[in-house]
């Protein structure tokens, strides 16, 4: 089979993948789109072949960066596939692999963080043009589905239209192979759907569901704008919890989209309470022990590492360009607005900046148990001023509750 020369858009199918015949309209039009917000930093490739014999992504010639057709709608482009010779009833498989902030070639089974894969298998219909839409979903980032299935909006469905049990994922009656569990979060409990995450104050939240636990976490660090809205309510110092009775004021903030910084643990705790949330705790919702962060059992660490699967939120290999981390000598050292780096997502879809930006306060304090500014409290994650070794999901330090630094902020969690 030789390459189809009747391309409508950017896809250039590798030689031997698809061929054309003069007789039309026996053809399949593949249109690839990405959910809004994924285009920035997205690198995509497509491979086509017979089922079970698709060329490796590293050998595919169809590659594109971003959404060149229309970033607003996520339109990556389309391609018309037609059979060769008399093979007008042949079956074919299409595999699309996209990656955020890296090449799709790096999307191996052991390093699938930041990657999205979509597969379809179907048969040409003689003299009938077919449309094959393929959507790249944000909830499929990092989801590696079992053989024979593909990720659709965070769940795994059979992708071969002729396989036993196949159904259209768009149909309400179609059940995923995982029984409806959110594959991106490793399934969940059988206690029924959890309550909605708090909303309206502070960043939006993402629910993380793991075997035996579920919690919400802010999608980004709390910003100066968020914190300024809290201060605008004139919270009284007496509203601090007992452990912060020594506090006589609240930390100030600049109203901007940068992570709020130079706030102590008590400021962070008070903001989260005002927002109907709390600082992140241990996996079971209790206060973390001294070893919980380093062993990966705090909510913050679990969210960052995709339940302990990754070293960094975006994968297992440090990428100095993925997040706002220690700059190279020729770069400035300023903070950046939250959510600015689409490649700094993970360990679950929709959670940003768990590496770089600022260190983040969590609810793990050790000391007298009384109203002491010197009690040690846990900060997690690296900041934009620190090197690779301090950017992992288990990076942490215990510092006095009253500490304030220009690279120390926070985000909130909730049940």
Protein backbone atom coordinates (compact mmCIF):
# COMPACT_ATOMS: atom_id res chain seq x y z
CA UNK A 1 0.00 0.00 0.00
CA UNK A 2 1.34 3.41 -0.81
CA UNK A 3 0.71 6.90 0.57
CA UNK A 4 -2.57 8.64 -0.17
CA UNK A 5 -1.88 11.84 -2.07
CA UNK A 6 -5.36 13.29 -1.56
CA UNK A 7 -4.73 14.92 1.82
CA UNK A 8 -7.06 17.68 3.05
CA UNK A 9 -4.83 18.91 5.85
CA UNK A 10 -1.56 18.45 7.65
CA UNK A 11 -1.37 14.66 8.05
CA UNK A 12 1.28 13.02 5.87
CA UNK A 13 0.75 9.28 6.22
CA UNK A 14 3.90 7.20 6.15
CA UNK A 15 4.63 5.15 3.04
CA UNK A 16 2.91 1.81 3.03
CA UNK A 17 0.17 2.85 5.43
CA UNK A 18 -2.65 3.97 3.13
CA UNK A 19 -3.09 3.98 -0.62
CA UNK A 20 -5.62 5.37 -3.00
CA UNK A 21 -7.78 4.10 -5.79
CA UNK A 22 -9.50 5.97 -8.57
CA UNK A 23 -12.93 4.69 -7.61
CA UNK A 24 -14.67 6.97 -5.15
CA UNK A 25 -16.37 7.47 -2.77
CA UNK A 26 -15.00 4.39 -0.97
CA UNK A 27 -13.14 6.46 1.60
CA UNK A 28 -12.81 7.32 5.27
CA UNK A 29 -12.30 10.90 6.44
CA UNK A 30 -10.46 11.06 9.76
CA UNK A 31 -10.85 14.35 11.62
CA UNK A 32 -8.79 14.92 14.75
CA UNK A 33 -9.69 17.53 17.36
CA UNK A 34 -8.47 18.30 20.87
CA UNK A 35 -10.49 19.62 23.77
CA UNK A 36 -10.12 23.41 24.22
CA UNK A 37 -7.10 24.28 26.29
CA UNK A 38 -4.96 21.36 25.12
CA UNK A 39 -3.59 22.96 21.96
CA UNK A 40 -0.77 24.94 23.60
CA UNK A 41 2.29 22.72 23.84
CA UNK A 42 0.53 19.76 22.17
CA UNK A 43 2.53 17.61 19.75
CA UNK A 44 0.55 15.04 17.79
CA UNK A 45 1.25 12.22 15.37
CA UNK A 46 -0.89 9.68 13.52
CA UNK A 47 -0.17 6.20 12.24
CA UNK A 48 -2.39 4.03 10.05
CA UNK A 49 -2.24 0.35 9.11
CA UNK A 50 -4.03 -2.95 9.32
CA UNK A 51 -5.31 -3.90 12.79
CA UNK A 52 -2.42 -5.19 14.86
CA UNK A 53 0.12 -3.96 12.31
CA UNK A 54 0.25 -0.18 12.81
CA UNK A 55 3.70 1.31 12.39
CA UNK A 56 5.36 2.58 15.59
CA UNK A 57 4.76 6.24 16.37
CA UNK A 58 8.50 6.88 16.05
CA UNK A 59 8.25 5.84 12.39
CA UNK A 60 5.09 7.79 11.52
CA UNK A 61 5.57 10.83 9.33
CA UNK A 62 2.39 12.65 10.33
CA UNK A 63 3.30 15.23 12.95
CA UNK A 64 1.93 18.59 14.02
CA UNK A 65 2.41 21.07 16.83
CA UNK A 66 -0.59 22.75 18.43
CA UNK A 67 -3.91 23.02 16.56
CA UNK A 68 -2.95 24.72 13.26
CA UNK A 69 -6.41 24.59 11.70
CA UNK A 70 -8.23 26.34 14.56
CA UNK A 71 -6.92 26.58 18.11
CA UNK A 72 -10.23 27.90 19.44
CA UNK A 73 -12.10 24.76 18.42
CA UNK A 74 -9.12 22.41 18.81
CA UNK A 75 -9.09 21.46 15.12
CA UNK A 76 -5.84 19.66 14.35
CA UNK A 77 -6.82 18.71 10.79
CA UNK A 78 -8.26 15.88 8.73
CA UNK A 79 -7.15 13.27 6.22
CA UNK A 80 -8.98 11.19 3.60
CA UNK A 81 -8.03 7.51 3.52
CA UNK A 82 -8.90 5.40 0.49
CA UNK A 83 -8.13 1.71 -0.21
CA UNK A 84 -5.68 0.51 -2.80
CA UNK A 85 -6.56 -1.60 -5.82
CA UNK A 86 -9.51 -3.92 -5.22
CA UNK A 87 -9.05 -3.90 -1.48
CA UNK A 88 -12.17 -1.79 -0.93
CA UNK A 89 -13.48 -3.85 1.96
CA UNK A 90 -10.22 -3.84 3.91
CA UNK A 91 -10.02 -3.11 7.60
CA UNK A 92 -7.70 -0.49 9.01
CA UNK A 93 -6.62 0.88 12.36
CA UNK A 94 -5.84 4.52 13.17
CA UNK A 95 -3.64 5.42 16.12
CA UNK A 96 -3.26 9.03 17.27
CA UNK A 97 -0.73 9.85 19.99
CA UNK A 98 -0.36 13.35 21.42
CA UNK A 99 1.94 14.68 24.12
CA UNK A 100 2.04 17.88 26.16
CA UNK A 101 5.40 19.61 26.13
CA UNK A 102 7.32 16.69 24.66
CA UNK A 103 7.52 14.49 21.58
CA UNK A 104 4.97 11.69 21.18
CA UNK A 105 7.98 9.43 20.63
CA UNK A 106 8.50 9.63 24.41
CA UNK A 107 5.06 8.14 25.12
CA UNK A 108 6.28 4.67 25.93
CA UNK A 109 4.44 2.41 28.35
CA UNK A 110 6.87 3.34 31.13
CA UNK A 111 6.63 7.05 30.52
CA UNK A 112 3.04 7.83 29.55
CA UNK A 113 2.62 10.90 31.78
CA UNK A 114 1.47 13.89 29.72
CA UNK A 115 0.42 11.63 26.82
CA UNK A 116 -2.92 10.93 25.16
CA UNK A 117 -3.61 7.97 22.88
CA UNK A 118 -6.70 7.38 20.75
CA UNK A 119 -7.28 4.33 18.55
CA UNK A 120 -10.02 3.32 16.11
CA UNK A 121 -10.44 0.23 13.93
CA UNK A 122 -13.06 -0.12 11.20
CA UNK A 123 -13.67 -1.38 7.67
CA UNK A 124 -14.04 0.46 4.38
CA UNK A 125 -17.63 0.42 3.11
CA UNK A 126 -17.67 -0.10 -0.65
CA UNK A 127 -18.79 3.10 -2.42
CA UNK A 128 -19.76 4.69 0.92
CA UNK A 129 -17.80 7.63 2.34
CA UNK A 130 -17.38 7.34 6.14
CA UNK A 131 -16.49 9.99 8.72
CA UNK A 132 -14.23 9.03 11.62
CA UNK A 133 -13.96 11.76 14.28
CA UNK A 134 -11.21 11.33 16.88
CA UNK A 135 -11.18 13.57 19.94
CA UNK A 136 -8.22 14.02 22.29
CA UNK A 137 -9.65 14.44 25.79
CA UNK A 138 -7.97 16.22 28.72
CA UNK A 139 -9.23 13.48 31.05
CA UNK A 140 -7.25 10.96 29.01
CA UNK A 141 -3.88 12.57 29.78
CA UNK A 142 -1.67 9.86 31.24
CA UNK A 143 -4.33 7.14 30.88
CA UNK A 144 -2.93 3.93 29.44
CA UNK A 145 -5.89 1.70 28.51
CA UNK A 146 -5.71 -2.11 28.26
CA UNK A 147 -5.08 -3.77 24.88
CA UNK A 148 -8.04 -3.53 22.54
CA UNK A 149 -9.42 -0.41 24.20
CA UNK A 150 -8.98 3.34 23.89
CA UNK A 151 -9.55 6.28 26.24
CA UNK A 152 -12.68 8.39 25.74
CA UNK A 153 -13.15 11.18 28.28
CA UNK A 154 -11.19 9.38 30.99
CA UNK A 155 -12.60 5.86 30.46
CA UNK A 156 -11.59 2.88 28.37
CA UNK A 157 -13.84 1.55 25.59
CA UNK A 158 -13.40 -1.09 22.91
CA UNK A 159 -12.22 0.63 19.74
CA UNK A 160 -12.66 -2.07 17.09
CA UNK A 161 -16.14 -1.70 15.57
CA UNK A 162 -16.19 -5.43 14.77
CA UNK A 163 -15.08 -6.72 18.18
CA UNK A 164 -17.59 -8.55 20.37
CA UNK A 165 -19.23 -6.16 22.82
CA UNK A 166 -18.33 -3.01 20.87
CA UNK A 167 -20.65 -0.03 21.27
CA UNK A 168 -20.52 3.65 20.39
CA UNK A 169 -19.02 5.51 23.40
CA UNK A 170 -21.28 8.44 22.57
CA UNK A 171 -24.33 6.31 23.32
CA UNK A 172 -25.66 6.64 26.89
CA UNK A 173 -26.16 2.87 27.01
CA UNK A 174 -22.53 2.11 26.10
CA UNK A 175 -20.54 0.86 29.08
CA UNK A 176 -16.79 1.22 29.43
CA UNK A 177 -14.70 -1.91 29.95
CA UNK A 178 -13.81 -0.69 33.46
CA UNK A 179 -17.47 -0.60 34.48
CA UNK A 180 -17.63 3.18 34.64
CA UNK A 181 -14.62 3.81 36.89
CA UNK A 182 -12.46 6.82 36.15
CA UNK A 183 -9.35 5.15 34.74
CA UNK A 184 -7.29 8.28 35.15
CA UNK A 185 -7.71 8.05 38.90
CA UNK A 186 -7.28 4.29 39.31
CA UNK A 187 -10.92 3.54 40.06
CA UNK A 188 -12.62 4.40 43.31
CA UNK A 189 -14.84 3.20 46.09
CA UNK A 190 -18.30 1.66 45.84
CA UNK A 191 -19.88 4.14 48.23
CA UNK A 192 -21.64 6.05 45.46
CA UNK A 193 -20.63 9.30 43.78
CA UNK A 194 -18.72 11.72 46.03
CA UNK A 195 -20.01 15.18 46.82
CA UNK A 196 -19.14 18.02 44.48
CA UNK A 197 -15.95 19.91 45.26
CA UNK A 198 -16.37 23.34 46.88
CA UNK A 199 -16.55 26.19 44.38
CA UNK A 200 -16.90 29.95 44.26
CA UNK A 201 -13.89 30.97 46.35
CA UNK A 202 -10.29 30.42 45.37
CA UNK A 203 -9.15 28.24 42.46
CA UNK A 204 -11.45 25.65 40.92
CA UNK A 205 -10.92 22.14 42.27
CA UNK A 206 -10.26 18.71 40.81
CA UNK A 207 -11.47 15.54 42.49
CA UNK A 208 -8.86 12.81 42.89
CA UNK A 209 -10.17 9.28 43.46
CA UNK A 210 -7.86 6.48 44.52
CA UNK A 211 -8.52 3.03 45.96
CA UNK A 212 -9.74 3.68 49.49
CA UNK A 213 -9.84 7.48 49.38
CA UNK A 214 -11.13 10.49 47.47
CA UNK A 215 -10.50 14.20 47.94
CA UNK A 216 -10.53 17.50 46.08
CA UNK A 217 -7.48 19.67 45.43
CA UNK A 218 -7.15 23.15 43.95
CA UNK A 219 -6.29 23.12 40.25
CA UNK A 220 -3.63 25.78 40.83
CA UNK A 221 -1.92 27.57 43.66
CA UNK A 222 -3.96 30.30 45.34
CA UNK A 223 -3.22 33.60 43.58
CA UNK A 224 -2.84 37.16 44.79
CA UNK A 225 -6.30 37.89 43.39
CA UNK A 226 -7.84 35.04 45.36
CA UNK A 227 -6.14 36.06 48.57
CA UNK A 228 -7.00 39.74 48.06
CA UNK A 229 -10.68 38.75 47.81
CA UNK A 230 -10.33 37.08 51.20
CA UNK A 231 -8.68 40.14 52.75
CA UNK A 232 -11.44 42.35 51.32
CA UNK A 233 -13.85 40.67 53.77
CA UNK A 234 -11.80 42.13 56.68
CA UNK A 235 -11.34 38.84 58.53
CA UNK A 236 -10.71 39.47 62.26
CA UNK A 237 -7.45 38.11 63.71
CA UNK A 238 -9.56 36.37 66.36
CA UNK A 239 -10.85 34.08 63.61
CA UNK A 240 -7.52 32.23 63.56
CA UNK A 241 -7.54 28.76 65.08
CA UNK A 242 -6.09 28.23 68.56
CA UNK A 243 -2.66 27.21 67.22
CA UNK A 244 -2.44 30.67 65.62
CA UNK A 245 -3.60 32.73 68.62
CA UNK A 246 -0.31 34.60 68.50
CA UNK A 247 -1.27 36.11 65.11
CA UNK A 248 -2.41 39.74 65.26
CA UNK A 249 -2.90 40.35 61.53
CA UNK A 250 -3.11 38.65 58.14
CA UNK A 251 -0.41 38.62 55.50
CA UNK A 252 -0.78 41.13 52.67
CA UNK A 253 -1.18 40.28 48.99
CA UNK A 254 -0.85 41.92 45.60
CA UNK A 255 -3.99 41.46 43.44
CA UNK A 256 -2.54 39.54 40.50
CA UNK A 257 -2.52 36.08 38.90
CA UNK A 258 0.81 35.10 40.44
CA UNK A 259 0.88 32.55 43.25
CA UNK A 260 0.35 34.39 46.53
CA UNK A 261 3.56 34.26 48.56
CA UNK A 262 5.03 35.60 51.80
CA UNK A 263 2.11 34.18 53.78
CA UNK A 264 2.59 31.99 56.84
CA UNK A 265 0.85 28.74 57.69
CA UNK A 266 -1.87 30.52 59.66
CA UNK A 267 -2.71 32.80 56.73
CA UNK A 268 -2.99 29.78 54.43
CA UNK A 269 -5.13 27.84 56.90
CA UNK A 270 -7.50 30.80 57.39
CA UNK A 271 -7.95 31.33 53.64
CA UNK A 272 -8.81 27.67 53.05
CA UNK A 273 -11.37 27.74 55.86
CA UNK A 274 -12.95 30.88 54.38
CA UNK A 275 -13.17 29.15 51.00
CA UNK A 276 -14.94 26.13 52.54
CA UNK A 277 -11.81 24.03 52.10
CA UNK A 278 -8.77 23.05 54.19
CA UNK A 279 -5.05 22.53 53.79
CA UNK A 280 -4.06 19.15 52.36
CA UNK A 281 -3.64 16.36 54.91
CA UNK A 282 -2.68 12.70 55.01
CA UNK A 283 -4.42 10.26 52.68
CA UNK A 284 -7.10 9.35 55.22
CA UNK A 285 -7.78 13.01 56.05
CA UNK A 286 -5.79 12.99 59.29
CA UNK A 287 -2.78 15.15 60.05
CA UNK A 288 0.31 13.70 58.34
CA UNK A 289 3.00 12.05 60.40
CA UNK A 290 6.60 13.08 60.03
CA UNK A 291 7.18 10.45 57.32
CA UNK A 292 3.95 10.68 55.31
CA UNK A 293 5.23 13.12 52.69
CA UNK A 294 8.46 11.27 51.97
CA UNK A 295 6.59 7.94 51.71
CA UNK A 296 4.01 9.43 49.33
CA UNK A 297 0.90 9.16 51.48
CA UNK A 298 -0.17 12.80 51.82
CA UNK A 299 -3.02 14.09 49.66
CA UNK A 300 -0.67 16.60 48.06
CA UNK A 301 1.89 13.93 47.14
CA UNK A 302 -0.74 11.49 45.90
CA UNK A 303 -2.25 14.15 43.64
CA UNK A 304 1.18 15.12 42.32
CA UNK A 305 2.43 11.58 41.69
CA UNK A 306 -0.81 10.10 40.28
CA UNK A 307 -1.14 7.84 43.28
CA UNK A 308 2.56 7.08 43.52
CA UNK A 309 3.12 6.29 39.84
CA UNK A 310 5.40 9.21 38.94
CA UNK A 311 8.41 11.05 40.34
CA UNK A 312 7.35 14.39 38.90
CA UNK A 313 3.76 15.46 38.18
CA UNK A 314 4.35 15.10 34.43
CA UNK A 315 6.37 11.85 34.48
CA UNK A 316 9.50 10.17 35.75
CA UNK A 317 12.18 12.27 34.06
CA UNK A 318 12.93 15.86 35.06
CA UNK A 319 12.07 18.35 32.33
CA UNK A 320 13.44 21.86 32.99
CA UNK A 321 10.99 23.33 30.47
CA UNK A 322 7.81 21.65 31.74
CA UNK A 323 7.21 23.87 34.78
CA UNK A 324 8.39 27.17 36.23
CA UNK A 325 11.46 25.68 37.89
CA UNK A 326 15.03 26.82 38.42
CA UNK A 327 15.82 28.97 35.37
CA UNK A 328 18.82 28.56 33.13
CA UNK A 329 21.50 31.26 33.46
CA UNK A 330 20.13 33.15 30.44
CA UNK A 331 16.58 33.34 31.84
CA UNK A 332 15.08 35.72 34.36
CA UNK A 333 13.97 34.44 37.76
CA UNK A 334 10.52 36.01 37.99
CA UNK A 335 7.45 34.06 39.01
CA UNK A 336 4.83 33.37 36.37
CA UNK A 337 1.00 33.35 36.55
CA UNK A 338 -0.56 30.08 37.67
CA UNK A 339 -1.55 27.62 34.94
CA UNK A 340 0.71 29.27 32.38
CA UNK A 341 2.59 26.06 31.58
CA UNK A 342 0.23 23.48 30.00
CA UNK A 343 2.97 20.85 30.23
CA UNK A 344 3.11 21.29 34.01
CA UNK A 345 -0.04 19.21 34.48
CA UNK A 346 -0.47 16.15 36.68
CA UNK A 347 -0.42 13.78 38.26
CA UNK A 348 -4.15 13.98 37.34
CA UNK A 349 -5.72 15.97 34.49
CA UNK A 350 -6.55 19.55 35.34
CA UNK A 351 -4.05 19.99 38.22
CA UNK A 352 -1.23 22.41 37.44
CA UNK A 353 2.03 23.70 38.92
CA UNK A 354 2.71 20.98 41.49
CA UNK A 355 6.35 21.42 40.54
CA UNK A 356 7.98 24.83 40.40
CA UNK A 357 6.13 28.06 41.11
CA UNK A 358 6.16 28.24 44.93
CA UNK A 359 6.51 25.78 47.78
CA UNK A 360 3.10 24.97 49.27
CA UNK A 361 1.99 24.79 52.90
CA UNK A 362 0.18 21.59 53.97
CA UNK A 363 -1.59 20.60 57.18
CA UNK A 364 1.21 18.74 58.89
CA UNK A 365 2.50 20.53 61.99
CA UNK A 366 4.62 19.15 64.83
CA UNK A 367 5.53 20.76 68.14
CA UNK A 368 3.90 21.76 71.37
CA UNK A 369 0.34 21.51 70.04
CA UNK A 370 -0.31 24.90 71.56
CA UNK A 371 -0.31 28.44 70.22
CA UNK A 372 3.32 28.49 69.15
CA UNK A 373 4.75 30.33 66.15
CA UNK A 374 7.77 28.05 66.29
CA UNK A 375 5.89 24.77 65.74
CA UNK A 376 7.18 23.09 62.59
CA UNK A 377 4.77 22.76 59.66
CA UNK A 378 5.19 20.94 56.38
CA UNK A 379 5.78 22.58 53.01
CA UNK A 380 5.75 20.41 49.88
CA UNK A 381 6.94 20.73 46.31
CA UNK A 382 9.78 22.68 44.77
CA UNK A 383 9.78 26.37 43.92
CA UNK A 384 11.03 28.36 40.95
CA UNK A 385 14.28 29.03 42.82
CA UNK A 386 15.27 25.40 43.41
CA UNK A 387 17.05 22.72 41.34
CA UNK A 388 15.73 19.45 39.91
CA UNK A 389 16.40 17.38 43.02
CA UNK A 390 13.88 19.51 44.93
CA UNK A 391 11.10 19.42 42.31
CA UNK A 392 9.81 15.89 42.90
CA UNK A 393 6.41 14.93 44.27
CA UNK A 394 7.99 13.92 47.58
CA UNK A 395 10.10 17.07 48.01
CA UNK A 396 9.26 18.56 51.41
CA UNK A 397 10.63 20.44 54.40
CA UNK A 398 9.41 21.34 57.87
CA UNK A 399 9.74 25.01 58.81
CA UNK A 400 8.33 27.24 61.60
CA UNK A 401 4.62 27.97 61.34
CA UNK A 402 5.33 31.72 61.22
CA UNK A 403 7.71 31.47 58.22
CA UNK A 404 7.17 33.78 55.26
CA UNK A 405 9.18 33.56 52.06
CA UNK A 406 8.73 35.01 48.59
CA UNK A 407 8.66 31.49 47.13
CA UNK A 408 6.24 29.98 49.65
CA UNK A 409 2.48 29.87 49.03
CA UNK A 410 -0.26 27.23 49.17
CA UNK A 411 -3.26 25.52 47.62
CA UNK A 412 -6.25 23.96 49.40
CA UNK A 413 -7.84 20.52 49.57
CA UNK A 414 -11.35 19.40 50.55
CA UNK A 415 -13.25 16.19 51.25
